[in-house]
Amino acid sequence: MKSTANVEFLRSIARIVEPQRGLPVVLSDPKDDPVVYTAVAAGADILCVRDRHFYEPAVVAFCRREDIRIMDDLALLELLSEKP
């Protein structure tokens, strides 16, 4: 089954991280903060989200300081299609 192979592939490349705790970042929806702090702990380059709260200036600025780009799924697919 193809989806099982996809899940197994993701398991093989995934790693578990402990998100940091810090000051609130997503002020309009504090439940989103663990997502941001997990990306920081993982050393993510990109945080792919469609939730509008992540595009607020304070969240974008915080992620930029952590060298994390925020983009939606279409922008990520476009970026991935540009790479050789």
PDB file of N, CA and C in Angstrom:
ATOM      1  N   MET A   1       0.851  -1.180   0.000  1.00  0.00           N
ATOM      2  CA  MET A   1       0.000   0.000   0.000  1.00  0.00           C
ATOM      3  C   MET A   1       0.900   1.248   0.000  1.00  0.00           C
ATOM      4  N   LYS A   2       0.637   2.164  -0.909  1.00  0.00           N
ATOM      5  CA  LYS A   2       1.487   3.336  -1.092  1.00  0.00           C
ATOM      6  C   LYS A   2       1.534   4.244   0.142  1.00  0.00           C
ATOM      7  N   SER A   3       0.399   4.476   0.792  1.00  0.00           N
ATOM      8  CA  SER A   3       0.402   5.374   1.955  1.00  0.00           C
ATOM      9  C   SER A   3       1.245   4.808   3.091  1.00  0.00           C
ATOM     10  N   THR A   4       1.282   3.498   3.232  1.00  0.00           N
ATOM     11  CA  THR A   4       2.128   2.881   4.252  1.00  0.00           C
ATOM     12  C   THR A   4       3.596   3.153   3.958  1.00  0.00           C
ATOM     13  N   ALA A   5       3.967   3.083   2.708  1.00  0.00           N
ATOM     14  CA  ALA A   5       5.349   3.371   2.320  1.00  0.00           C
ATOM     15  C   ALA A   5       5.692   4.827   2.616  1.00  0.00           C
ATOM     16  N   ASN A   6       4.754   5.717   2.376  1.00  0.00           N
ATOM     17  CA  ASN A   6       4.986   7.139   2.664  1.00  0.00           C
ATOM     18  C   ASN A   6       5.183   7.368   4.157  1.00  0.00           C
ATOM     19  N   VAL A   7       4.360   6.720   4.964  1.00  0.00           N
ATOM     20  CA  VAL A   7       4.473   6.861   6.418  1.00  0.00           C
ATOM     21  C   VAL A   7       5.810   6.306   6.886  1.00  0.00           C
ATOM     22  N   GLU A   8       6.196   5.164   6.365  1.00  0.00           N
ATOM     23  CA  GLU A   8       7.479   4.567   6.747  1.00  0.00           C
ATOM     24  C   GLU A   8       8.642   5.467   6.335  1.00  0.00           C
ATOM     25  N   PHE A   9       8.558   6.073   5.164  1.00  0.00           N
ATOM     26  CA  PHE A   9       9.609   6.988   4.735  1.00  0.00           C
ATOM     27  C   PHE A   9       9.704   8.167   5.694  1.00  0.00           C
ATOM     28  N   LEU A  10       8.564   8.741   6.047  1.00  0.00           N
ATOM     29  CA  LEU A  10       8.575   9.874   6.974  1.00  0.00           C
ATOM     30  C   LEU A  10       9.152   9.475   8.333  1.00  0.00           C
ATOM     31  N   ARG A  11       8.817   8.287   8.796  1.00  0.00           N
ATOM     32  CA  ARG A  11       9.388   7.813  10.059  1.00  0.00           C
ATOM     33  C   ARG A  11      10.900   7.679   9.970  1.00  0.00           C
ATOM     34  N   SER A  12      11.390   7.269   8.813  1.00  0.00           N
ATOM     35  CA  SER A  12      12.832   7.047   8.674  1.00  0.00           C
ATOM     36  C   SER A  12      13.628   8.349   8.675  1.00  0.00           C
ATOM     37  N   ILE A  13      12.997   9.448   8.279  1.00  0.00           N
ATOM     38  CA  ILE A  13      13.735  10.720   8.225  1.00  0.00           C
ATOM     39  C   ILE A  13      13.363  11.672   9.357  1.00  0.00           C
ATOM     40  N   ALA A  14      12.329  11.332  10.126  1.00  0.00           N
ATOM     41  CA  ALA A  14      11.857  12.214  11.194  1.00  0.00           C
ATOM     42  C   ALA A  14      12.722  12.084  12.443  1.00  0.00           C
ATOM     43  N   ARG A  15      12.679  13.119  13.248  1.00  0.00           N
ATOM     44  CA  ARG A  15      13.317  13.049  14.560  1.00  0.00           C
ATOM     45  C   ARG A  15      12.422  13.774  15.553  1.00  0.00           C
ATOM     46  N   ILE A  16      12.451  13.315  16.767  1.00  0.00           N
ATOM     47  CA  ILE A  16      11.623  13.902  17.814  1.00  0.00           C
ATOM     48  C   ILE A  16      12.428  15.002  18.503  1.00  0.00           C
ATOM     49  N   VAL A  17      11.786  16.138  18.679  1.00  0.00           N
ATOM     50  CA  VAL A  17      12.439  17.261  19.358  1.00  0.00           C
ATOM     51  C   VAL A  17      11.566  17.707  20.527  1.00  0.00           C
ATOM     52  N   GLU A  18      12.201  18.279  21.501  1.00  0.00           N
ATOM     53  CA  GLU A  18      11.493  18.880  22.628  1.00  0.00           C
ATOM     54  C   GLU A  18      11.364  20.371  22.357  1.00  0.00           C
ATOM     55  N   PRO A  19      10.135  20.850  22.169  1.00  0.00           N
ATOM     56  CA  PRO A  19       9.993  22.284  21.904  1.00  0.00           C
ATOM     57  C   PRO A  19      10.427  23.114  23.102  1.00  0.00           C
ATOM     58  N   GLN A  20      11.039  24.229  22.789  1.00  0.00           N
ATOM     59  CA  GLN A  20      11.421  25.162  23.832  1.00  0.00           C
ATOM     60  C   GLN A  20      10.156  25.827  24.365  1.00  0.00           C
ATOM     61  N   ARG A  21      10.277  26.413  25.496  1.00  0.00           N
ATOM     62  CA  ARG A  21       9.204  27.261  26.011  1.00  0.00           C
ATOM     63  C   ARG A  21       9.742  28.677  26.024  1.00  0.00           C
ATOM     64  N   GLY A  22       8.874  29.587  25.758  1.00  0.00           N
ATOM     65  CA  GLY A  22       9.316  30.965  25.744  1.00  0.00           C
ATOM     66  C   GLY A  22       8.145  31.911  25.848  1.00  0.00           C
ATOM     67  N   LEU A  23       8.433  33.139  25.618  1.00  0.00           N
ATOM     68  CA  LEU A  23       7.395  34.160  25.651  1.00  0.00           C
ATOM     69  C   LEU A  23       6.376  33.897  24.559  1.00  0.00           C
ATOM     70  N   PRO A  24       5.149  34.336  24.748  1.00  0.00           N
ATOM     71  CA  PRO A  24       4.140  34.159  23.700  1.00  0.00           C
ATOM     72  C   PRO A  24       4.583  34.812  22.390  1.00  0.00           C
ATOM     73  N   VAL A  25       4.325  34.116  21.311  1.00  0.00           N
ATOM     74  CA  VAL A  25       4.683  34.614  19.987  1.00  0.00           C
ATOM     75  C   VAL A  25       3.416  34.923  19.187  1.00  0.00           C
ATOM     76  N   VAL A  26       2.512  33.965  19.132  1.00  0.00           N
ATOM     77  CA  VAL A  26       1.267  34.126  18.370  1.00  0.00           C
ATOM     78  C   VAL A  26       0.214  34.662  19.336  1.00  0.00           C
ATOM     79  N   LEU A  27       0.197  35.957  19.493  1.00  0.00           N
ATOM     80  CA  LEU A  27      -0.649  36.580  20.508  1.00  0.00           C
ATOM     81  C   LEU A  27      -2.140  36.365  20.250  1.00  0.00           C
ATOM     82  N   SER A  28      -2.540  36.275  18.990  1.00  0.00           N
ATOM     83  CA  SER A  28      -3.961  36.104  18.687  1.00  0.00           C
ATOM     84  C   SER A  28      -4.429  34.659  18.859  1.00  0.00           C
ATOM     85  N   ASP A  29      -3.499  33.723  18.985  1.00  0.00           N
ATOM     86  CA  ASP A  29      -3.861  32.319  19.216  1.00  0.00           C
ATOM     87  C   ASP A  29      -2.695  31.604  19.900  1.00  0.00           C
ATOM     88  N   PRO A  30      -2.586  31.737  21.222  1.00  0.00           N
ATOM     89  CA  PRO A  30      -1.462  31.152  21.959  1.00  0.00           C
ATOM     90  C   PRO A  30      -1.309  29.637  21.777  1.00  0.00           C
ATOM     91  N   LYS A  31      -2.385  28.957  21.350  1.00  0.00           N
ATOM     92  CA  LYS A  31      -2.278  27.516  21.112  1.00  0.00           C
ATOM     93  C   LYS A  31      -1.349  27.214  19.937  1.00  0.00           C
ATOM     94  N   ASP A  32      -1.036  28.218  19.131  1.00  0.00           N
ATOM     95  CA  ASP A  32      -0.123  28.036  17.995  1.00  0.00           C
ATOM     96  C   ASP A  32       1.345  28.138  18.409  1.00  0.00           C
ATOM     97  N   ASP A  33       1.616  28.669  19.578  1.00  0.00           N
ATOM     98  CA  ASP A  33       3.001  28.832  20.021  1.00  0.00           C
ATOM     99  C   ASP A  33       3.807  27.528  20.016  1.00  0.00           C
ATOM    100  N   PRO A  34       3.245  26.397  20.456  1.00  0.00           N
ATOM    101  CA  PRO A  34       4.040  25.160  20.410  1.00  0.00           C
ATOM    102  C   PRO A  34       4.514  24.793  19.002  1.00  0.00           C
ATOM    103  N   VAL A  35       3.742  25.159  17.997  1.00  0.00           N
ATOM    104  CA  VAL A  35       4.160  24.885  16.615  1.00  0.00           C
ATOM    105  C   VAL A  35       5.402  25.699  16.288  1.00  0.00           C
ATOM    106  N   VAL A  36       5.377  26.971  16.652  1.00  0.00           N
ATOM    107  CA  VAL A  36       6.525  27.849  16.391  1.00  0.00           C
ATOM    108  C   VAL A  36       7.750  27.353  17.158  1.00  0.00           C
ATOM    109  N   TYR A  37       7.571  27.050  18.434  1.00  0.00           N
ATOM    110  CA  TYR A  37       8.711  26.623  19.245  1.00  0.00           C
ATOM    111  C   TYR A  37       9.227  25.236  18.858  1.00  0.00           C
ATOM    112  N   THR A  38       8.376  24.389  18.304  1.00  0.00           N
ATOM    113  CA  THR A  38       8.846  23.100  17.786  1.00  0.00           C
ATOM    114  C   THR A  38       9.704  23.324  16.548  1.00  0.00           C
ATOM    115  N   ALA A  39       9.297  24.246  15.690  1.00  0.00           N
ATOM    116  CA  ALA A  39      10.101  24.573  14.509  1.00  0.00           C
ATOM    117  C   ALA A  39      11.468  25.107  14.917  1.00  0.00           C
ATOM    118  N   VAL A  40      11.499  25.942  15.942  1.00  0.00           N
ATOM    119  CA  VAL A  40      12.767  26.484  16.436  1.00  0.00           C
ATOM    120  C   VAL A  40      13.649  25.351  16.970  1.00  0.00           C
ATOM    121  N   ALA A  41      13.069  24.491  17.793  1.00  0.00           N
ATOM    122  CA  ALA A  41      13.839  23.392  18.391  1.00  0.00           C
ATOM    123  C   ALA A  41      14.369  22.432  17.333  1.00  0.00           C
ATOM    124  N   ALA A  42      13.619  22.269  16.256  1.00  0.00           N
ATOM    125  CA  ALA A  42      14.030  21.355  15.191  1.00  0.00           C
ATOM    126  C   ALA A  42      15.040  21.986  14.240  1.00  0.00           C
ATOM    127  N   GLY A  43      15.228  23.295  14.355  1.00  0.00           N
ATOM    128  CA  GLY A  43      16.125  23.969  13.423  1.00  0.00           C
ATOM    129  C   GLY A  43      15.529  24.050  12.024  1.00  0.00           C
ATOM    130  N   ALA A  44      14.211  24.195  11.971  1.00  0.00           N
ATOM    131  CA  ALA A  44      13.512  24.230  10.682  1.00  0.00           C
ATOM    132  C   ALA A  44      13.935  25.444   9.865  1.00  0.00           C
ATOM    133  N   ASP A  45      13.965  25.262   8.566  1.00  0.00           N
ATOM    134  CA  ASP A  45      14.217  26.359   7.638  1.00  0.00           C
ATOM    135  C   ASP A  45      12.907  27.015   7.219  1.00  0.00           C
ATOM    136  N   ILE A  46      11.867  26.187   7.146  1.00  0.00           N
ATOM    137  CA  ILE A  46      10.567  26.646   6.664  1.00  0.00           C
ATOM    138  C   ILE A  46       9.477  26.109   7.576  1.00  0.00           C
ATOM    139  N   LEU A  47       8.508  26.955   7.850  1.00  0.00           N
ATOM    140  CA  LEU A  47       7.307  26.554   8.562  1.00  0.00           C
ATOM    141  C   LEU A  47       6.163  26.719   7.568  1.00  0.00           C
ATOM    142  N   CYS A  48       5.615  25.597   7.132  1.00  0.00           N
ATOM    143  CA  CYS A  48       4.564  25.604   6.118  1.00  0.00           C
ATOM    144  C   CYS A  48       3.211  25.543   6.824  1.00  0.00           C
ATOM    145  N   VAL A  49       2.485  26.647   6.771  1.00  0.00           N
ATOM    146  CA  VAL A  49       1.190  26.757   7.448  1.00  0.00           C
ATOM    147  C   VAL A  49       0.235  27.599   6.613  1.00  0.00           C
ATOM    148  N   ARG A  50      -1.047  27.336   6.782  1.00  0.00           N
ATOM    149  CA  ARG A  50      -2.069  28.147   6.121  1.00  0.00           C
ATOM    150  C   ARG A  50      -2.797  29.032   7.127  1.00  0.00           C
ATOM    151  N   ASP A  51      -2.609  28.780   8.391  1.00  0.00           N
ATOM    152  CA  ASP A  51      -3.264  29.538   9.461  1.00  0.00           C
ATOM    153  C   ASP A  51      -2.806  30.994   9.409  1.00  0.00           C
ATOM    154  N   ARG A  52      -3.748  31.899   9.290  1.00  0.00           N
ATOM    155  CA  ARG A  52      -3.422  33.323   9.123  1.00  0.00           C
ATOM    156  C   ARG A  52      -2.683  33.915  10.316  1.00  0.00           C
ATOM    157  N   HIS A  53      -2.818  33.309  11.505  1.00  0.00           N
ATOM    158  CA  HIS A  53      -2.138  33.832  12.689  1.00  0.00           C
ATOM    159  C   HIS A  53      -0.620  33.815  12.538  1.00  0.00           C
ATOM    160  N   PHE A  54      -0.111  32.865  11.781  1.00  0.00           N
ATOM    161  CA  PHE A  54       1.337  32.751  11.612  1.00  0.00           C
ATOM    162  C   PHE A  54       1.917  33.845  10.715  1.00  0.00           C
ATOM    163  N   TYR A  55       1.068  34.566  10.014  1.00  0.00           N
ATOM    164  CA  TYR A  55       1.528  35.611   9.100  1.00  0.00           C
ATOM    165  C   TYR A  55       1.447  37.000   9.722  1.00  0.00           C
ATOM    166  N   GLU A  56       1.110  37.066  11.003  1.00  0.00           N
ATOM    167  CA  GLU A  56       1.106  38.358  11.693  1.00  0.00           C
ATOM    168  C   GLU A  56       2.543  38.865  11.806  1.00  0.00           C
ATOM    169  N   PRO A  57       2.736  40.187  11.711  1.00  0.00           N
ATOM    170  CA  PRO A  57       4.094  40.749  11.705  1.00  0.00           C
ATOM    171  C   PRO A  57       4.990  40.278  12.856  1.00  0.00           C
ATOM    172  N   ALA A  58       4.457  40.168  14.057  1.00  0.00           N
ATOM    173  CA  ALA A  58       5.282  39.755  15.198  1.00  0.00           C
ATOM    174  C   ALA A  58       5.755  38.307  15.047  1.00  0.00           C
ATOM    175  N   VAL A  59       4.894  37.458  14.510  1.00  0.00           N
ATOM    176  CA  VAL A  59       5.261  36.049  14.320  1.00  0.00           C
ATOM    177  C   VAL A  59       6.295  35.927  13.209  1.00  0.00           C
ATOM    178  N   VAL A  60       6.074  36.632  12.122  1.00  0.00           N
ATOM    179  CA  VAL A  60       7.026  36.618  11.003  1.00  0.00           C
ATOM    180  C   VAL A  60       8.384  37.132  11.468  1.00  0.00           C
ATOM    181  N   ALA A  61       8.392  38.207  12.250  1.00  0.00           N
ATOM    182  CA  ALA A  61       9.655  38.771  12.749  1.00  0.00           C
ATOM    183  C   ALA A  61      10.367  37.792  13.672  1.00  0.00           C
ATOM    184  N   PHE A  62       9.622  37.144  14.567  1.00  0.00           N
ATOM    185  CA  PHE A  62      10.226  36.157  15.459  1.00  0.00           C
ATOM    186  C   PHE A  62      10.856  35.028  14.647  1.00  0.00           C
ATOM    187  N   CYS A  63      10.116  34.506  13.692  1.00  0.00           N
ATOM    188  CA  CYS A  63      10.642  33.402  12.887  1.00  0.00           C
ATOM    189  C   CYS A  63      11.837  33.852  12.045  1.00  0.00           C
ATOM    190  N   ARG A  64      11.801  35.055  11.544  1.00  0.00           N
ATOM    191  CA  ARG A  64      12.935  35.569  10.759  1.00  0.00           C
ATOM    192  C   ARG A  64      14.197  35.613  11.621  1.00  0.00           C
ATOM    193  N   ARG A  65      14.058  36.026  12.878  1.00  0.00           N
ATOM    194  CA  ARG A  65      15.219  36.044  13.782  1.00  0.00           C
ATOM    195  C   ARG A  65      15.765  34.640  14.015  1.00  0.00           C
ATOM    196  N   GLU A  66      14.912  33.645  13.879  1.00  0.00           N
ATOM    197  CA  GLU A  66      15.326  32.245  14.047  1.00  0.00           C
ATOM    198  C   GLU A  66      15.682  31.595  12.703  1.00  0.00           C
ATOM    199  N   ASP A  67      15.754  32.408  11.645  1.00  0.00           N
ATOM    200  CA  ASP A  67      16.045  31.932  10.285  1.00  0.00           C
ATOM    201  C   ASP A  67      15.023  30.917   9.786  1.00  0.00           C
ATOM    202  N   ILE A  68      13.765  31.153  10.122  1.00  0.00           N
ATOM    203  CA  ILE A  68      12.666  30.309   9.659  1.00  0.00           C
ATOM    204  C   ILE A  68      11.772  31.140   8.750  1.00  0.00           C
ATOM    205  N   ARG A  69      11.552  30.634   7.553  1.00  0.00           N
ATOM    206  CA  ARG A  69      10.637  31.282   6.619  1.00  0.00           C
ATOM    207  C   ARG A  69       9.250  30.683   6.795  1.00  0.00           C
ATOM    208  N   ILE A  70       8.232  31.511   6.758  1.00  0.00           N
ATOM    209  CA  ILE A  70       6.853  31.054   6.843  1.00  0.00           C
ATOM    210  C   ILE A  70       6.249  31.132   5.448  1.00  0.00           C
ATOM    211  N   MET A  71       5.651  30.030   5.024  1.00  0.00           N
ATOM    212  CA  MET A  71       4.997  30.028   3.718  1.00  0.00           C
ATOM    213  C   MET A  71       3.846  29.030   3.718  1.00  0.00           C
ATOM    214  N   ASP A  72       2.935  29.235   2.773  1.00  0.00           N
ATOM    215  CA  ASP A  72       1.832  28.292   2.659  1.00  0.00           C
ATOM    216  C   ASP A  72       2.241  27.133   1.751  1.00  0.00           C
ATOM    217  N   ASP A  73       1.345  26.184   1.611  1.00  0.00           N
ATOM    218  CA  ASP A  73       1.656  24.977   0.860  1.00  0.00           C
ATOM    219  C   ASP A  73       1.971  25.257  -0.603  1.00  0.00           C
ATOM    220  N   LEU A  74       1.276  26.205  -1.216  1.00  0.00           N
ATOM    221  CA  LEU A  74       1.535  26.501  -2.623  1.00  0.00           C
ATOM    222  C   LEU A  74       2.911  27.127  -2.817  1.00  0.00           C
ATOM    223  N   ALA A  75       3.285  28.030  -1.928  1.00  0.00           N
ATOM    224  CA  ALA A  75       4.612  28.647  -2.016  1.00  0.00           C
ATOM    225  C   ALA A  75       5.704  27.606  -1.793  1.00  0.00           C
ATOM    226  N   LEU A  76       5.473  26.684  -0.879  1.00  0.00           N
ATOM    227  CA  LEU A  76       6.460  25.633  -0.635  1.00  0.00           C
ATOM    228  C   LEU A  76       6.599  24.724  -1.858  1.00  0.00           C
ATOM    229  N   LEU A  77       5.486  24.342  -2.451  1.00  0.00           N
ATOM    230  CA  LEU A  77       5.553  23.507  -3.657  1.00  0.00           C
ATOM    231  C   LEU A  77       6.287  24.229  -4.784  1.00  0.00           C
ATOM    232  N   GLU A  78       6.041  25.517  -4.917  1.00  0.00           N
ATOM    233  CA  GLU A  78       6.743  26.307  -5.934  1.00  0.00           C
ATOM    234  C   GLU A  78       8.242  26.321  -5.664  1.00  0.00           C
ATOM    235  N   LEU A  79       8.615  26.547  -4.407  1.00  0.00           N
ATOM    236  CA  LEU A  79      10.038  26.544  -4.025  1.00  0.00           C
ATOM    237  C   LEU A  79      10.666  25.193  -4.313  1.00  0.00           C
ATOM    238  N   LEU A  80       9.987  24.128  -3.959  1.00  0.00           N
ATOM    239  CA  LEU A  80      10.536  22.795  -4.174  1.00  0.00           C
ATOM    240  C   LEU A  80      10.670  22.451  -5.655  1.00  0.00           C
ATOM    241  N   SER A  81       9.767  22.979  -6.464  1.00  0.00           N
ATOM    242  CA  SER A  81       9.847  22.698  -7.897  1.00  0.00           C
ATOM    243  C   SER A  81      10.985  23.452  -8.567  1.00  0.00           C
ATOM    244  N   GLU A  82      11.493  24.528  -7.938  1.00  0.00           N
ATOM    245  CA  GLU A  82      12.613  25.302  -8.482  1.00  0.00           C
ATOM    246  C   GLU A  82      13.950  24.617  -8.238  1.00  0.00           C
ATOM    247  N   LYS A  83      14.024  23.790  -7.224  1.00  0.00           N
ATOM    248  CA  LYS A  83      15.305  23.172  -6.869  1.00  0.00           C
ATOM    249  C   LYS A  83      15.597  22.017  -7.820  1.00  0.00           C
ATOM    250  N   PRO A  84      16.870  21.896  -8.232  1.00  0.00           N
ATOM    251  CA  PRO A  84      17.235  20.805  -9.154  1.00  0.00           C
ATOM    252  C   PRO A  84      17.131  19.438  -8.519  1.00  0.00           C
TER     253      PRO A  84
END
